[in-house]
Protein backbone atom coordinates (compact mmCIF):
# COMPACT_ATOMS: atom_id res chain seq x y z
CA MET A 1 -0.05 0.10 -0.11
CA SER A 2 1.25 3.27 -1.06
CA THR A 3 2.12 5.87 1.63
CA ALA A 4 2.92 8.64 -0.75
CA LYS A 5 0.96 12.08 0.26
CA LYS A 6 -1.07 13.64 -2.30
CA GLU A 7 -1.57 17.30 -2.17
CA TYR A 8 -5.18 18.49 -1.79
CA LYS A 9 -6.31 22.03 -2.48
CA ARG A 10 -9.72 21.34 -0.67
CA ILE A 11 -10.51 18.25 1.47
CA THR A 12 -13.80 16.77 0.54
CA VAL A 13 -15.29 13.59 1.68
CA LYS A 14 -14.11 11.73 -1.13
CA SER A 15 -10.57 12.90 -0.44
CA LEU A 16 -10.77 10.98 3.02
CA VAL A 17 -11.77 7.80 1.19
CA ASP A 18 -8.95 8.14 -1.23
CA MET A 19 -6.39 8.93 1.71
CA LYS A 20 -7.44 5.46 3.29
CA ALA A 21 -7.03 3.65 0.00
CA ASN A 22 -3.55 5.36 -0.39
CA GLY A 23 -2.62 4.36 3.21
CA GLU A 24 -2.39 8.21 4.15
CA LYS A 25 -3.46 8.89 7.66
CA ILE A 26 -6.13 11.47 8.31
CA SER A 27 -5.52 14.30 10.89
CA MET A 28 -8.67 15.67 12.70
CA LEU A 29 -8.89 18.20 15.52
CA THR A 30 -11.72 20.15 17.09
CA ALA A 31 -12.50 23.94 16.45
CA TYR A 32 -15.06 26.24 17.87
CA ASP A 33 -14.35 29.68 16.78
CA PHE A 34 -12.84 31.57 13.78
CA THR A 35 -9.25 32.20 15.10
CA MET A 36 -8.40 28.67 16.04
CA ALA A 37 -10.02 27.43 12.77
CA ARG A 38 -7.88 29.55 10.79
CA ILE A 39 -4.49 28.62 12.66
CA LEU A 40 -5.41 24.91 12.17
CA ASP A 41 -6.53 25.22 8.62
CA ASN A 42 -3.05 27.20 7.86
CA ALA A 43 -1.25 24.43 9.71
CA GLY A 44 -2.55 21.79 7.15
CA ILE A 45 -5.36 19.93 9.39
CA ASP A 46 -7.29 17.46 7.00
CA VAL A 47 -10.77 17.63 9.11
CA LEU A 48 -12.05 20.14 11.76
CA LEU A 49 -14.83 18.73 13.83
CA VAL A 50 -16.96 21.39 15.34
CA GLY A 51 -17.78 19.10 18.24
CA ASP A 52 -20.52 19.02 20.92
CA SER A 53 -17.39 18.98 23.31
CA ALA A 54 -17.68 22.77 23.13
CA SER A 55 -20.31 22.11 25.83
CA ASN A 56 -17.42 21.32 28.04
CA VAL A 57 -14.43 23.28 26.95
CA MET A 58 -16.31 26.58 25.87
CA ALA A 59 -19.35 26.72 27.94
CA GLY A 60 -18.05 24.54 31.20
CA HIS A 61 -20.77 22.16 31.36
CA GLU A 62 -19.96 18.73 32.97
CA THR A 63 -21.39 16.70 29.88
CA THR A 64 -22.08 17.50 26.24
CA LEU A 65 -25.76 17.25 26.81
CA PRO A 66 -26.64 20.96 27.49
CA ILE A 67 -25.41 22.55 24.18
CA THR A 68 -28.11 23.36 21.84
CA LEU A 69 -28.58 23.17 17.88
CA ASP A 70 -28.52 26.88 17.71
CA GLN A 71 -25.17 27.21 19.73
CA MET A 72 -23.66 24.41 17.48
CA ILE A 73 -24.65 26.33 14.47
CA TYR A 74 -22.91 29.58 16.09
CA HIS A 75 -19.77 27.79 16.51
CA ALA A 76 -19.86 26.00 13.20
CA SER A 77 -20.32 29.37 11.41
CA SER A 78 -17.38 30.88 13.26
CA VAL A 79 -15.14 27.92 12.13
CA VAL A 80 -16.42 27.86 8.52
CA ARG A 81 -15.57 31.56 8.07
CA GLY A 82 -11.78 30.63 9.18
CA ILE A 83 -11.05 27.90 6.75
CA ASP A 84 -10.14 27.52 3.20
CA ARG A 85 -8.85 24.07 2.83
CA CYS A 86 -10.24 21.57 5.46
CA LEU A 87 -13.31 19.55 5.58
CA VAL A 88 -15.60 20.82 8.59
CA VAL A 89 -17.84 18.40 10.38
CA VAL A 90 -20.40 19.45 12.93
CA ASP A 91 -21.91 17.28 15.62
CA LEU A 92 -25.77 17.08 15.89
CA PRO A 93 -26.26 17.88 19.48
CA PHE A 94 -28.10 15.57 21.96
CA GLY A 95 -32.06 15.80 21.44
CA SER A 96 -31.78 16.94 17.86
CA TYR A 97 -31.89 13.54 16.01
CA GLN A 98 -32.51 10.56 18.49
CA SER A 99 -36.26 10.37 18.79
CA ASP A 100 -37.47 11.32 15.31
CA PRO A 101 -35.79 10.89 11.69
CA LYS A 102 -37.81 14.03 10.62
CA GLU A 103 -36.43 16.14 13.31
CA ALA A 104 -32.88 14.65 12.53
CA LEU A 105 -33.12 15.82 9.04
CA ARG A 106 -34.38 19.31 9.93
CA SER A 107 -31.39 19.46 12.37
CA ALA A 108 -28.85 18.48 9.71
CA ILE A 109 -30.35 20.76 7.19
CA ARG A 110 -30.35 23.74 9.50
CA ILE A 111 -26.55 23.12 10.19
CA MET A 112 -25.71 22.84 6.56
CA LYS A 113 -27.74 25.86 5.42
CA GLU A 114 -27.00 28.32 8.38
CA SER A 115 -23.20 27.37 9.02
CA GLY A 116 -21.93 26.56 5.63
CA ALA A 117 -20.30 23.29 7.16
CA HIS A 118 -19.64 20.34 4.90
CA SER A 119 -21.16 17.30 6.78
CA ILE A 120 -22.59 16.52 10.21
CA LYS A 121 -21.80 13.70 12.63
CA LEU A 122 -24.00 11.82 15.04
CA GLU A 123 -23.71 9.14 17.75
CA GLY A 124 -24.93 5.59 17.49
CA GLY A 125 -25.61 2.54 15.26
CA LYS A 126 -28.78 0.62 14.32
CA GLU A 127 -31.03 2.54 16.87
CA ILE A 128 -30.52 5.73 14.84
CA LYS A 129 -30.69 3.91 11.43
CA GLU A 130 -33.63 5.66 9.97
CA SER A 131 -32.31 9.14 10.80
CA ILE A 132 -28.96 8.49 9.28
CA LYS A 133 -30.95 7.05 6.19
CA ARG A 134 -33.15 10.16 6.08
CA ILE A 135 -30.14 12.49 6.04
CA LEU A 136 -28.17 10.80 3.73
CA ASN A 137 -31.16 10.70 1.33
CA ALA A 138 -31.29 14.65 1.30
CA GLY A 139 -27.62 14.62 0.16
CA ILE A 140 -26.03 15.50 3.47
CA PRO A 141 -22.68 13.56 4.11
CA VAL A 142 -22.66 11.88 7.56
CA MET A 143 -19.86 10.65 9.70
CA GLY A 144 -20.80 7.95 12.36
CA HIS A 145 -19.60 7.55 15.76
CA LEU A 146 -19.41 4.40 17.72
CA GLY A 147 -17.80 3.25 20.99
CA LEU A 148 -17.86 5.69 23.84
CA THR A 149 -20.80 8.06 22.86
CA PRO A 150 -20.76 11.02 25.31
CA GLN A 151 -24.22 11.92 24.65
CA SER A 152 -25.24 8.47 26.30
CA ILE A 153 -23.07 8.93 29.32
CA TYR A 154 -25.91 8.68 31.71
CA LYS A 155 -26.89 5.40 30.07
CA PHE A 156 -23.31 4.17 30.51
CA GLY A 157 -22.76 5.79 33.88
CA THR A 158 -19.09 6.11 33.03
CA TYR A 159 -16.38 7.26 30.56
CA THR A 160 -14.68 3.83 30.45
CA VAL A 161 -13.46 1.95 27.66
CA ARG A 162 -16.35 0.39 25.57
CA ALA A 163 -16.68 -2.83 23.51
CA LYS A 164 -14.13 -4.99 25.81
CA GLU A 165 -16.78 -7.86 26.03
CA GLU A 166 -17.47 -10.13 23.07
CA GLU A 167 -21.18 -9.24 22.74
CA GLU A 168 -20.70 -5.27 22.53
CA ALA A 169 -17.60 -5.84 20.42
CA GLU A 170 -19.63 -7.88 17.82
CA LYS A 171 -22.41 -5.07 17.87
CA LEU A 172 -19.74 -2.34 17.33
CA MET A 173 -18.63 -4.31 14.14
CA GLU A 174 -22.21 -4.84 12.81
CA ASP A 175 -22.77 -1.21 13.48
CA ALA A 176 -19.75 0.07 11.72
CA MET A 177 -20.54 -2.27 8.58
CA MET A 178 -23.93 -1.02 8.63
CA LEU A 179 -23.01 2.75 8.71
CA GLU A 180 -20.75 1.83 5.57
CA ARG A 181 -23.64 0.11 3.72
CA LEU A 182 -26.05 3.07 4.57
CA GLY A 183 -23.43 5.59 2.71
CA CYS A 184 -21.46 7.14 5.56
CA PHE A 185 -18.25 8.50 4.54
CA ALA A 186 -16.46 7.81 7.87
CA VAL A 187 -16.82 6.55 11.39
CA VAL A 188 -15.21 7.75 14.67
CA LEU A 189 -14.39 5.01 17.17
CA GLU A 190 -13.96 6.49 20.83
CA LYS A 191 -12.22 4.54 23.49
CA VAL A 192 -12.44 1.02 22.14
CA PRO A 193 -9.73 -1.70 22.26
CA ALA A 194 -6.83 -1.07 19.74
CA LYS A 195 -7.26 -4.65 18.46
CA LEU A 196 -10.89 -4.36 17.85
CA ALA A 197 -10.52 -0.85 16.22
CA LYS A 198 -7.81 -2.29 13.98
CA LYS A 199 -10.27 -5.08 12.99
CA VAL A 200 -13.08 -2.66 12.23
CA ALA A 201 -10.91 -0.37 10.09
CA GLU A 202 -9.52 -3.36 8.00
CA ALA A 203 -13.32 -4.66 7.59
CA ILE A 204 -14.67 -1.61 6.15
CA SER A 205 -13.63 0.73 3.08
CA ILE A 206 -14.65 3.92 4.65
CA PRO A 207 -12.08 5.80 6.87
CA VAL A 208 -12.02 4.90 10.71
CA ILE A 209 -10.92 7.82 12.90
CA GLY A 210 -9.83 6.79 16.30
CA ILE A 211 -9.67 8.64 19.74
CA GLY A 212 -8.48 6.32 22.37
CA ALA A 213 -8.51 3.58 19.55
CA GLY A 214 -5.03 2.84 18.86
CA ASN A 215 -2.75 3.19 15.80
CA GLY A 216 -4.64 0.53 13.55
CA VAL A 217 -7.30 2.92 12.32
CA ASP A 218 -7.12 5.34 9.49
CA GLY A 219 -6.67 8.59 11.45
CA GLN A 220 -6.92 10.27 14.81
CA VAL A 221 -8.79 13.04 16.51
CA LEU A 222 -8.27 14.90 19.49
CA VAL A 223 -10.01 17.85 21.21
CA THR A 224 -7.71 20.97 20.51
CA HIS A 225 -7.86 22.40 24.02
CA ASP A 226 -6.58 19.03 25.32
CA MET A 227 -3.55 18.50 23.08
CA LEU A 228 -2.70 22.05 23.53
CA GLY A 229 -2.48 21.51 27.38
CA MET A 230 -5.05 24.05 28.00
CA THR A 231 -7.25 21.69 30.13
CA HIS A 232 -4.59 20.56 32.37
CA GLU A 233 -6.83 18.63 34.62
CA PHE A 234 -7.89 16.01 31.95
CA ASN A 235 -5.30 13.14 31.56
CA PRO A 236 -6.81 10.18 29.77
CA ARG A 237 -4.19 7.66 28.41
CA PHE A 238 -4.87 8.29 24.72
CA LEU A 239 -4.03 12.05 25.01
CA ARG A 240 -0.76 13.47 24.05
CA ARG A 241 0.07 17.05 25.03
CA TYR A 242 1.99 18.83 22.33
CA LEU A 243 1.95 22.12 24.48
CA ASP A 244 1.43 23.18 28.14
CA LEU A 245 -0.59 26.21 27.22
CA TYR A 246 -2.24 26.28 30.71
CA ASN A 247 1.19 27.23 32.32
CA GLU A 248 2.29 29.27 29.45
CA MET A 249 -0.81 31.41 29.34
CA THR A 250 -0.89 31.57 32.92
CA GLY A 251 2.72 33.04 32.99
CA ALA A 252 1.87 35.61 30.25
CA PHE A 253 -1.42 36.87 32.28
CA THR A 254 0.78 37.18 35.42
CA SER A 255 3.35 39.10 33.59
CA TYR A 256 0.74 41.46 32.22
CA ILE A 257 -1.13 41.94 35.40
CA LYS A 258 2.27 42.72 36.97
CA ASP A 259 3.36 45.41 34.18
CA VAL A 260 -0.05 46.96 34.56
CA LYS A 261 0.11 47.27 38.14
CA SER A 262 3.54 48.72 38.02
CA SER A 263 3.03 50.95 35.12
CA ASP A 264 5.59 49.31 33.25
CA PHE A 265 2.89 48.80 30.38
CA PRO A 266 2.62 50.68 28.14
CA ASN A 267 5.86 52.29 27.85
CA GLU A 268 6.83 55.21 25.65
CA SER A 269 7.05 53.16 22.56
CA GLU A 270 3.70 51.51 23.18
CA GLN A 271 1.76 54.77 22.98
CA TYR A 272 0.79 57.47 20.57
């Protein structure tokens, strides 16, 4: 399998399928605002996920459940204005698709029309099959999400690794194959055993993006605030911190406060 990297002027859902076929890993991170999206896009990220994790890192909620469809559209619109190259995927928030396929389609259409995003993501397998079918039939690209599904946290009761037992592992594989058959362009696997994730990635032709799912998948996603070290109290095994921005930013803020208090800022060259 070739690992030569192709240059993409614009990443599309087809680009991701081509990347998998060519053996090129897919890079994906979260973004919730214009400035971060601009930086990430310029850095060459393949996919930006406007995740419902905004509920945690932007709004301070304990779970992803409180964020609304209007709020997701606001964040997605901000991100879309900041990018030129990458693919933007937007989470359908809790309550906007689970109970009624028609409501799911309305929610997806609102995101696509009002934010300008390129695709949507939703959590679950066969239990939301009809919602996925209806959205796909409308021509909206869908990314699936299996394994640990944070919107179901009160059902699971914990953020522990999923599909360690044979029955759940078999269901996950069946759901992944179903998502491919329905026409999803990719699927996220969150916090599942690495061997199972690799098996899933080898069994389906669409890209499998992992978070806490090992290196045998087709790409990786992390929450940007986590990998930058801004959320210093969050320490899962799968997280690699590329910066320690919590301490660096604290140091910068402390210096600014000190300089203002001492009248050192602004100096003569910093005024008109």
